[in-house]
N, C-alpha and C. Protein backbone atom coordinates (compact mmCIF):
# COMPACT_ATOMS: atom_id res chain seq x y z
N MET A 1 56.99 197.84 139.75
CA MET A 1 56.29 199.16 140.13
C MET A 1 54.83 198.89 140.40
N SER A 2 54.29 199.37 141.42
CA SER A 2 52.85 199.24 141.73
C SER A 2 52.06 200.10 140.90
N HIS A 3 50.74 199.90 140.91
CA HIS A 3 49.81 200.60 140.11
C HIS A 3 49.68 202.06 140.47
N ASP A 4 50.24 202.53 141.64
CA ASP A 4 50.17 203.93 142.04
C ASP A 4 51.44 204.61 142.01
N GLU A 5 52.55 204.14 141.57
CA GLU A 5 53.75 204.80 141.51
C GLU A 5 53.97 205.49 140.17
N SER A 6 54.73 206.58 140.14
CA SER A 6 54.94 207.42 139.10
C SER A 6 56.44 207.29 138.67
N THR A 7 56.64 207.27 137.40
CA THR A 7 58.02 207.19 136.89
C THR A 7 58.75 208.49 136.64
N ASP A 8 57.85 209.65 136.51
CA ASP A 8 58.52 210.95 136.10
C ASP A 8 58.57 211.85 137.39
N GLY A 9 58.38 211.38 138.51
CA GLY A 9 58.54 212.25 139.74
C GLY A 9 57.30 213.07 140.06
N GLU A 10 56.30 212.94 139.28
CA GLU A 10 55.14 213.66 139.58
C GLU A 10 54.21 212.86 140.55
N SER A 11 53.13 213.53 140.99
CA SER A 11 52.34 212.84 141.94
C SER A 11 51.67 211.60 141.27
N PRO A 12 51.61 210.50 142.12
CA PRO A 12 51.14 209.18 141.62
C PRO A 12 49.73 209.35 141.21
N ILE A 13 49.36 208.60 140.13
CA ILE A 13 47.93 208.56 139.72
C ILE A 13 47.29 207.14 140.19
N ARG A 14 46.35 207.17 140.91
CA ARG A 14 45.71 206.00 141.39
C ARG A 14 44.73 205.43 140.38
N THR A 15 44.82 204.21 140.13
CA THR A 15 43.90 203.54 139.22
C THR A 15 43.08 202.60 140.03
N GLN A 16 41.91 202.24 139.46
CA GLN A 16 41.00 201.33 140.13
C GLN A 16 41.46 200.01 139.99
N PRO A 17 41.47 199.05 140.93
CA PRO A 17 41.85 197.61 140.63
C PRO A 17 40.68 197.10 139.73
N ARG A 18 41.09 196.01 138.99
CA ARG A 18 40.19 195.43 137.92
C ARG A 18 38.81 194.96 138.44
N ASN A 19 38.87 194.46 139.67
CA ASN A 19 37.70 193.85 140.25
C ASN A 19 36.70 194.89 140.90
N SER A 20 37.11 196.13 140.93
CA SER A 20 36.32 197.15 141.62
C SER A 20 35.74 198.08 140.62
N VAL A 21 34.41 198.13 140.61
CA VAL A 21 33.81 199.02 139.54
C VAL A 21 33.90 200.46 139.75
N PHE A 22 33.66 200.86 141.07
CA PHE A 22 33.71 202.30 141.38
C PHE A 22 34.52 202.47 142.70
N ARG A 23 34.34 201.82 143.71
CA ARG A 23 34.74 202.11 145.05
C ARG A 23 36.00 201.26 145.47
N THR A 24 37.00 202.03 145.97
CA THR A 24 38.04 201.21 146.59
C THR A 24 38.39 201.89 147.98
N GLU A 25 39.04 201.06 148.75
CA GLU A 25 39.28 201.54 150.19
C GLU A 25 40.44 202.51 150.11
N ASP A 26 41.30 202.54 149.16
CA ASP A 26 42.44 203.42 149.10
C ASP A 26 42.18 204.74 148.37
N GLN A 27 40.86 205.12 148.19
CA GLN A 27 40.64 206.37 147.57
C GLN A 27 41.10 207.54 148.23
N THR A 28 41.49 208.56 147.60
CA THR A 28 42.01 209.79 148.33
C THR A 28 40.94 210.42 149.17
N PRO A 29 41.31 210.75 150.39
CA PRO A 29 40.27 211.40 151.35
C PRO A 29 39.73 212.70 150.86
N TYR A 30 38.62 213.09 151.40
CA TYR A 30 38.00 214.42 151.01
C TYR A 30 38.85 215.49 151.61
N VAL A 31 39.16 216.42 150.73
CA VAL A 31 39.93 217.57 151.13
C VAL A 31 39.09 218.80 151.21
N GLU A 32 39.09 219.56 152.37
CA GLU A 32 38.24 220.78 152.48
C GLU A 32 38.89 221.96 151.71
N SER A 33 38.03 222.64 151.06
CA SER A 33 38.50 223.93 150.29
C SER A 33 37.67 225.09 150.88
N THR A 34 38.26 225.90 151.51
CA THR A 34 37.60 227.18 152.01
C THR A 34 36.78 227.89 150.87
N ILE A 35 37.51 228.07 149.78
CA ILE A 35 36.95 228.74 148.71
C ILE A 35 35.60 228.07 148.18
N ILE A 36 35.64 226.76 147.95
CA ILE A 36 34.47 226.03 147.59
C ILE A 36 33.35 226.07 148.53
N MET A 37 33.75 225.81 149.81
CA MET A 37 32.77 225.84 150.90
C MET A 37 32.02 227.14 151.03
N THR A 38 32.90 228.25 150.94
CA THR A 38 32.19 229.58 150.98
C THR A 38 31.37 229.92 149.85
N THR A 39 31.84 229.53 148.65
CA THR A 39 31.10 229.70 147.41
C THR A 39 29.74 228.90 147.58
N VAL A 40 29.80 227.75 147.93
CA VAL A 40 28.59 226.99 147.98
C VAL A 40 27.60 227.59 149.08
N ARG A 41 28.11 227.95 150.15
CA ARG A 41 27.25 228.58 151.22
C ARG A 41 26.56 229.87 150.71
N VAL A 42 27.24 230.53 149.80
CA VAL A 42 26.60 231.76 149.27
C VAL A 42 25.61 231.49 148.11
N VAL A 43 26.01 230.54 147.29
CA VAL A 43 25.27 230.20 146.08
C VAL A 43 24.04 229.36 146.26
N ALA A 44 24.25 228.31 147.17
CA ALA A 44 23.16 227.31 147.41
C ALA A 44 21.81 227.91 147.64
N PRO A 45 21.58 228.99 148.55
CA PRO A 45 20.20 229.51 148.65
C PRO A 45 19.65 230.15 147.44
N PHE A 46 20.50 230.58 146.60
CA PHE A 46 19.97 231.20 145.30
C PHE A 46 19.58 230.22 144.37
N ILE A 47 20.39 229.02 144.29
CA ILE A 47 19.97 227.92 143.43
C ILE A 47 18.73 227.31 143.87
N LEU A 48 18.60 227.14 145.23
CA LEU A 48 17.32 226.54 145.70
C LEU A 48 16.15 227.46 145.34
N THR A 49 16.25 228.67 145.58
CA THR A 49 15.25 229.66 145.17
C THR A 49 14.88 229.61 143.65
N LEU A 50 15.94 229.49 142.74
CA LEU A 50 15.73 229.34 141.41
C LEU A 50 15.00 228.13 141.11
N GLY A 51 15.19 227.00 141.68
CA GLY A 51 14.50 225.75 141.60
C GLY A 51 13.06 225.87 141.99
N LEU A 52 12.79 226.51 143.11
CA LEU A 52 11.39 226.79 143.50
C LEU A 52 10.70 227.72 142.59
N PHE A 53 11.38 228.70 142.11
CA PHE A 53 10.75 229.52 141.13
C PHE A 53 10.39 228.93 139.81
N VAL A 54 11.27 227.95 139.34
CA VAL A 54 10.93 227.28 138.19
C VAL A 54 9.75 226.38 138.37
N MET A 55 9.81 225.74 139.63
CA MET A 55 8.61 224.81 139.95
C MET A 55 7.26 225.62 139.94
N PHE A 56 7.29 226.78 140.64
CA PHE A 56 5.96 227.56 140.74
C PHE A 56 5.73 228.22 139.56
N HIS A 57 6.63 228.67 138.74
CA HIS A 57 6.34 229.34 137.52
C HIS A 57 5.95 228.52 136.32
N GLY A 58 6.18 227.25 136.48
CA GLY A 58 5.83 226.21 135.44
C GLY A 58 4.42 226.26 134.97
N ALA A 59 3.44 226.73 135.82
CA ALA A 59 2.12 226.80 135.31
C ALA A 59 1.89 227.95 134.38
N ASP A 60 2.67 228.89 134.46
CA ASP A 60 2.47 230.08 133.58
C ASP A 60 3.38 230.23 132.41
N SER A 61 4.60 229.59 132.54
CA SER A 61 5.54 229.63 131.39
C SER A 61 6.37 228.42 131.40
N ALA A 62 7.52 228.48 130.66
CA ALA A 62 8.39 227.27 130.67
C ALA A 62 8.93 227.04 132.00
N GLY A 63 9.03 225.68 132.23
CA GLY A 63 9.55 225.30 133.49
C GLY A 63 8.47 224.26 134.06
N GLY A 64 8.60 223.99 135.26
CA GLY A 64 7.77 223.04 136.03
C GLY A 64 8.42 222.23 137.04
N GLY A 65 7.81 221.17 137.54
CA GLY A 65 8.13 220.44 138.58
C GLY A 65 9.43 219.62 138.30
N PHE A 66 9.55 218.99 137.14
CA PHE A 66 10.72 218.27 136.77
C PHE A 66 12.02 219.12 136.79
N GLN A 67 11.80 220.17 135.97
CA GLN A 67 13.02 221.08 135.87
C GLN A 67 13.36 221.70 137.26
N GLY A 68 12.45 222.13 137.95
CA GLY A 68 12.53 222.83 139.26
C GLY A 68 13.20 221.83 140.27
N GLY A 69 12.68 220.58 140.29
CA GLY A 69 13.05 219.55 141.14
C GLY A 69 14.54 219.10 140.90
N THR A 70 14.92 219.19 139.53
CA THR A 70 16.34 218.84 139.23
C THR A 70 17.22 219.99 139.67
N ILE A 71 16.84 221.20 139.61
CA ILE A 71 17.68 222.37 140.11
C ILE A 71 17.85 222.26 141.52
N ALA A 72 16.71 221.93 142.33
CA ALA A 72 16.71 221.85 143.65
C ALA A 72 17.51 220.75 144.21
N GLY A 73 17.51 219.65 143.40
CA GLY A 73 18.29 218.44 143.76
C GLY A 73 19.79 218.73 143.66
N THR A 74 20.13 219.51 142.66
CA THR A 74 21.57 219.86 142.55
C THR A 74 22.10 220.62 143.72
N VAL A 75 21.33 221.28 144.47
CA VAL A 75 21.88 221.96 145.64
C VAL A 75 22.44 220.91 146.69
N VAL A 76 21.80 219.80 146.77
CA VAL A 76 22.35 218.72 147.62
C VAL A 76 23.71 218.30 147.12
N LEU A 77 23.74 218.07 145.79
CA LEU A 77 25.04 217.61 145.17
C LEU A 77 26.10 218.68 145.38
N LEU A 78 25.73 219.90 145.33
CA LEU A 78 26.77 221.02 145.62
C LEU A 78 27.26 220.86 147.00
N LEU A 79 26.30 220.74 147.98
CA LEU A 79 26.66 220.64 149.35
C LEU A 79 27.50 219.39 149.63
N ALA A 80 27.24 218.31 148.91
CA ALA A 80 28.05 217.13 149.06
C ALA A 80 29.42 217.24 148.54
N PHE A 81 29.61 217.93 147.35
CA PHE A 81 30.99 218.21 146.82
C PHE A 81 31.73 219.13 147.69
N ALA A 82 31.07 220.16 148.30
CA ALA A 82 31.78 221.08 149.08
C ALA A 82 32.09 220.57 150.56
N PHE A 83 31.14 219.96 151.09
CA PHE A 83 31.36 219.52 152.54
C PHE A 83 31.62 218.04 152.79
N GLY A 84 31.62 217.29 151.76
CA GLY A 84 31.83 215.92 151.84
C GLY A 84 30.48 215.09 151.68
N ILE A 85 30.67 213.97 150.95
CA ILE A 85 29.44 213.23 150.63
C ILE A 85 28.95 212.54 151.96
N GLU A 86 29.76 211.94 152.69
CA GLU A 86 29.34 211.22 153.92
C GLU A 86 28.56 212.14 154.86
N PRO A 87 29.10 213.27 155.33
CA PRO A 87 28.31 214.16 156.19
C PRO A 87 26.99 214.65 155.66
N VAL A 88 26.90 214.85 154.37
CA VAL A 88 25.60 215.33 153.70
C VAL A 88 24.71 213.99 153.70
N ARG A 89 25.27 212.90 153.37
CA ARG A 89 24.47 211.62 153.35
C ARG A 89 23.90 211.33 154.73
N ASP A 90 24.78 211.51 155.80
CA ASP A 90 24.28 211.39 157.22
C ASP A 90 23.22 212.30 157.50
N TRP A 91 23.31 213.62 157.12
CA TRP A 91 22.36 214.67 157.45
C TRP A 91 21.05 214.33 156.62
N LEU A 92 21.05 214.00 155.40
CA LEU A 92 19.96 213.66 154.61
C LEU A 92 19.88 212.22 154.52
N ASN A 93 19.58 211.42 155.44
CA ASN A 93 19.46 210.00 155.43
C ASN A 93 18.38 209.50 154.48
N ALA A 94 18.45 208.13 154.26
CA ALA A 94 17.50 207.61 153.37
C ALA A 94 16.01 207.79 153.79
N ASP A 95 15.77 207.86 155.14
CA ASP A 95 14.33 208.11 155.48
C ASP A 95 13.89 209.45 155.15
N ARG A 96 14.68 210.50 155.22
CA ARG A 96 14.30 211.83 154.85
C ARG A 96 14.08 212.01 153.31
N LEU A 97 14.91 211.28 152.55
CA LEU A 97 14.71 211.30 151.10
C LEU A 97 13.52 210.58 150.66
N LEU A 98 13.33 209.45 151.35
CA LEU A 98 12.04 208.70 151.08
C LEU A 98 10.81 209.52 151.42
N GLY A 99 10.95 210.19 152.56
CA GLY A 99 9.85 211.05 153.02
C GLY A 99 9.57 212.20 152.01
N LEU A 100 10.63 212.81 151.46
CA LEU A 100 10.43 213.85 150.36
C LEU A 100 9.73 213.19 149.12
N VAL A 101 10.19 212.15 148.69
CA VAL A 101 9.61 211.42 147.57
C VAL A 101 8.09 211.07 147.80
N ALA A 102 7.82 210.61 149.07
CA ALA A 102 6.49 210.25 149.38
C ALA A 102 5.52 211.31 149.55
N VAL A 103 6.02 212.60 150.14
CA VAL A 103 5.25 213.79 150.22
C VAL A 103 4.86 214.26 148.82
N GLY A 104 5.89 214.26 147.92
CA GLY A 104 5.63 214.61 146.52
C GLY A 104 4.59 213.75 145.88
N LEU A 105 4.78 212.55 146.11
CA LEU A 105 3.82 211.64 145.34
C LEU A 105 2.39 211.74 146.02
N LEU A 106 2.33 211.82 147.19
CA LEU A 106 1.04 212.05 147.91
C LEU A 106 0.35 213.36 147.59
N THR A 107 1.14 214.40 147.39
CA THR A 107 0.61 215.72 146.97
C THR A 107 -0.10 215.47 145.63
N PHE A 108 0.69 214.95 144.69
CA PHE A 108 0.21 214.67 143.33
C PHE A 108 -1.13 213.83 143.36
N LEU A 109 -1.06 212.77 144.01
CA LEU A 109 -2.19 211.78 144.11
C LEU A 109 -3.42 212.49 144.87
N GLY A 110 -3.08 213.35 145.98
CA GLY A 110 -4.09 213.95 146.64
C GLY A 110 -4.92 215.08 145.88
N ILE A 111 -4.06 215.69 145.02
CA ILE A 111 -4.80 216.66 144.19
C ILE A 111 -5.59 216.00 143.14
N GLY A 112 -5.02 214.85 142.60
CA GLY A 112 -5.81 214.30 141.51
C GLY A 112 -7.03 213.57 141.97
N PHE A 113 -6.94 212.80 143.13
CA PHE A 113 -8.17 212.05 143.52
C PHE A 113 -9.00 213.06 144.36
N GLY A 114 -8.58 214.20 144.82
CA GLY A 114 -9.47 215.14 145.35
C GLY A 114 -10.41 215.68 144.44
N ALA A 115 -10.01 215.87 143.24
CA ALA A 115 -10.99 216.40 142.19
C ALA A 115 -11.95 215.31 142.01
N MET A 116 -11.66 214.10 142.05
CA MET A 116 -12.67 212.94 141.88
C MET A 116 -13.63 213.00 143.05
N LEU A 117 -13.32 213.36 144.29
CA LEU A 117 -14.19 213.54 145.40
C LEU A 117 -15.32 214.65 145.13
N PHE A 118 -14.94 215.60 144.36
CA PHE A 118 -15.89 216.65 144.07
C PHE A 118 -16.57 216.34 142.77
N GLY A 119 -16.57 215.18 142.18
CA GLY A 119 -17.32 214.81 141.03
C GLY A 119 -16.66 214.98 139.72
N GLY A 120 -15.38 215.34 139.71
CA GLY A 120 -14.58 215.49 138.50
C GLY A 120 -13.71 214.32 138.11
N ALA A 121 -13.02 214.44 137.10
CA ALA A 121 -11.97 213.38 136.69
C ALA A 121 -10.71 213.57 137.48
N PHE A 122 -9.86 212.63 137.34
CA PHE A 122 -8.50 212.80 137.94
C PHE A 122 -7.81 213.92 137.50
N LEU A 123 -7.35 214.90 138.40
CA LEU A 123 -6.64 216.05 138.02
C LEU A 123 -7.54 217.02 137.29
N GLN A 124 -8.83 216.95 137.33
CA GLN A 124 -9.74 217.96 136.73
C GLN A 124 -9.88 219.04 137.81
N TYR A 125 -9.05 220.11 137.66
CA TYR A 125 -9.01 221.18 138.72
C TYR A 125 -10.26 222.05 138.91
N ASN A 126 -10.98 222.13 137.77
CA ASN A 126 -12.22 223.04 137.95
C ASN A 126 -13.37 222.26 138.62
N ALA A 127 -13.17 221.07 139.08
CA ALA A 127 -14.09 220.34 139.94
C ALA A 127 -13.97 220.95 141.34
N TYR A 128 -12.91 221.46 141.77
CA TYR A 128 -12.76 222.01 143.14
C TYR A 128 -13.58 223.34 143.16
N PRO A 129 -14.39 223.43 144.35
CA PRO A 129 -15.33 224.60 144.48
C PRO A 129 -14.46 225.88 144.90
N TYR A 130 -13.32 226.09 144.42
CA TYR A 130 -12.62 227.20 144.81
C TYR A 130 -12.27 228.12 143.60
N SER A 131 -12.27 229.54 143.82
CA SER A 131 -11.80 230.29 142.75
C SER A 131 -10.26 230.06 142.41
N HIS A 132 -9.99 230.13 141.19
CA HIS A 132 -8.63 229.86 140.70
C HIS A 132 -8.12 228.49 141.07
N ALA A 133 -8.94 227.61 141.19
CA ALA A 133 -8.59 226.24 141.48
C ALA A 133 -7.64 225.55 140.60
N SER A 134 -7.77 225.91 139.29
CA SER A 134 -6.83 225.31 138.30
C SER A 134 -5.49 225.84 138.61
N LYS A 135 -5.32 227.10 138.86
CA LYS A 135 -3.96 227.64 139.00
C LYS A 135 -3.30 227.09 140.28
N TYR A 136 -4.10 226.93 141.35
CA TYR A 136 -3.53 226.49 142.61
C TYR A 136 -3.31 224.96 142.46
N GLY A 137 -4.19 224.25 141.83
CA GLY A 137 -3.95 222.83 141.61
C GLY A 137 -2.73 222.46 140.88
N ILE A 138 -2.48 223.19 139.80
CA ILE A 138 -1.39 223.07 138.98
C ILE A 138 -0.07 223.37 139.74
N GLU A 139 -0.15 224.53 140.52
CA GLU A 139 1.11 224.82 141.32
C GLU A 139 1.38 223.73 142.35
N LEU A 140 0.37 223.14 142.97
CA LEU A 140 0.50 222.02 143.99
C LEU A 140 1.09 220.82 143.32
N VAL A 141 0.53 220.41 142.15
CA VAL A 141 1.10 219.31 141.39
C VAL A 141 2.45 219.55 141.00
N GLU A 142 2.85 220.68 140.54
CA GLU A 142 4.22 221.02 140.11
C GLU A 142 5.16 220.83 141.36
N LEU A 143 4.64 221.35 142.51
CA LEU A 143 5.43 221.21 143.74
C LEU A 143 5.68 219.81 144.08
N GLY A 144 4.67 219.05 143.98
CA GLY A 144 4.78 217.56 144.32
C GLY A 144 5.71 216.92 143.41
N ILE A 145 5.62 217.12 142.07
CA ILE A 145 6.52 216.59 141.16
C ILE A 145 7.97 216.96 141.48
N GLY A 146 8.06 218.23 141.76
CA GLY A 146 9.44 218.84 142.01
C GLY A 146 10.15 218.09 143.28
N ALA A 147 9.28 217.86 144.30
CA ALA A 147 9.72 217.24 145.44
C ALA A 147 10.19 215.78 145.30
N THR A 148 9.37 215.20 144.48
CA THR A 148 9.69 213.74 144.05
C THR A 148 11.01 213.61 143.24
N VAL A 149 11.08 214.52 142.24
CA VAL A 149 12.23 214.51 141.39
C VAL A 149 13.54 214.89 142.19
N ALA A 150 13.50 215.87 143.04
CA ALA A 150 14.56 216.24 143.89
C ALA A 150 15.07 215.10 144.80
N GLY A 151 14.02 214.39 145.38
CA GLY A 151 14.42 213.20 146.24
C GLY A 151 15.08 212.12 145.43
N ILE A 152 14.47 211.79 144.28
CA ILE A 152 15.04 210.67 143.56
C ILE A 152 16.46 211.02 143.05
N ILE A 153 16.60 212.21 142.54
CA ILE A 153 17.90 212.59 141.94
C ILE A 153 18.99 212.60 143.04
N THR A 154 18.59 213.12 144.27
CA THR A 154 19.53 213.06 145.43
C THR A 154 19.84 211.57 145.84
N GLY A 155 18.77 210.79 145.85
CA GLY A 155 19.06 209.43 146.28
C GLY A 155 19.84 208.67 145.27
N LEU A 156 19.69 208.89 143.95
CA LEU A 156 20.53 208.32 142.95
C LEU A 156 22.01 208.75 143.05
N PHE A 157 22.11 210.00 143.37
CA PHE A 157 23.60 210.54 143.55
C PHE A 157 24.21 209.71 144.61
N PHE A 158 23.57 209.63 145.83
CA PHE A 158 24.10 208.95 147.01
C PHE A 158 24.43 207.53 146.68
N LEU A 159 23.53 206.84 145.94
CA LEU A 159 23.61 205.48 145.54
C LEU A 159 24.91 205.32 144.62
N LEU A 160 25.10 206.19 143.62
CA LEU A 160 26.31 206.14 142.90
C LEU A 160 27.55 206.48 143.49
N ALA A 161 27.41 207.50 144.46
CA ALA A 161 28.61 207.83 145.21
C ALA A 161 29.12 206.74 146.15
N ALA A 162 28.25 205.88 146.62
CA ALA A 162 28.71 204.82 147.50
C ALA A 162 29.42 203.74 146.72
N GLY A 163 29.11 203.68 145.36
CA GLY A 163 29.81 202.68 144.55
C GLY A 163 29.33 201.17 144.95
N PHE A 164 30.05 200.42 144.23
CA PHE A 164 29.72 199.00 144.42
C PHE A 164 30.93 198.18 144.00
N GLU A 165 31.10 196.99 144.58
CA GLU A 165 32.13 196.10 144.12
C GLU A 165 31.61 194.85 143.65
N THR A 166 32.36 194.18 142.78
CA THR A 166 31.98 192.92 142.32
C THR A 166 32.95 191.94 142.38
N ASP A 167 32.62 190.67 142.63
CA ASP A 167 33.71 189.58 142.69
C ASP A 167 33.83 188.94 141.40
N GLU A 168 33.14 189.26 140.53
CA GLU A 168 33.16 188.65 139.12
C GLU A 168 34.14 189.46 138.41
N PRO A 169 35.03 188.76 137.57
CA PRO A 169 36.03 189.36 136.72
C PRO A 169 35.31 190.18 135.66
N MET A 170 35.91 191.26 135.21
CA MET A 170 35.29 192.07 134.09
C MET A 170 35.62 191.15 132.74
N GLU A 171 34.78 191.67 131.71
CA GLU A 171 35.01 190.90 130.47
C GLU A 171 36.37 190.78 129.87
N ASP A 172 37.11 191.74 129.87
CA ASP A 172 38.38 191.87 129.29
C ASP A 172 39.45 191.07 130.10
N GLU A 173 39.12 190.62 131.35
CA GLU A 173 40.01 189.79 132.26
C GLU A 173 39.94 188.30 131.85
N GLN A 174 38.88 187.91 131.24
CA GLN A 174 38.56 186.56 130.92
C GLN A 174 39.44 185.98 129.83
């Protein structure tokens, strides 16, 4: 009996071959679910809005860039689970994710070094000659952190979803 046959007449359970850590060519194909796709279409904008709210509200209360970026990044995971990982990966290619991370990092560094241009220390918001500079500076830094975190979480998800194979035997096979 092969590794994917069943003895009790129920549907077969596929197991991973020993030399494949995550990915095999005989994985079950993606199956569309109208209920899941419709639910994600409705819920995704609200989750993204919640992520942005947590990012922007982090200066005044609990929350911030990391938490908001994580929530915003999960929207992409929801889209991938509902519409398929490959189409979402093709839509949000590595260049776009790298761009998102770079924009977030440059925003953070721009605000930090911008304060130094006005004679302050790195991220010393009151060095800016604007009213409420501290509030706006913190908001922009949180937004930059959120963009970076969302890009990294999404990139890690796609990296793990792609899987990897190894030619080396696992420890228990030796």
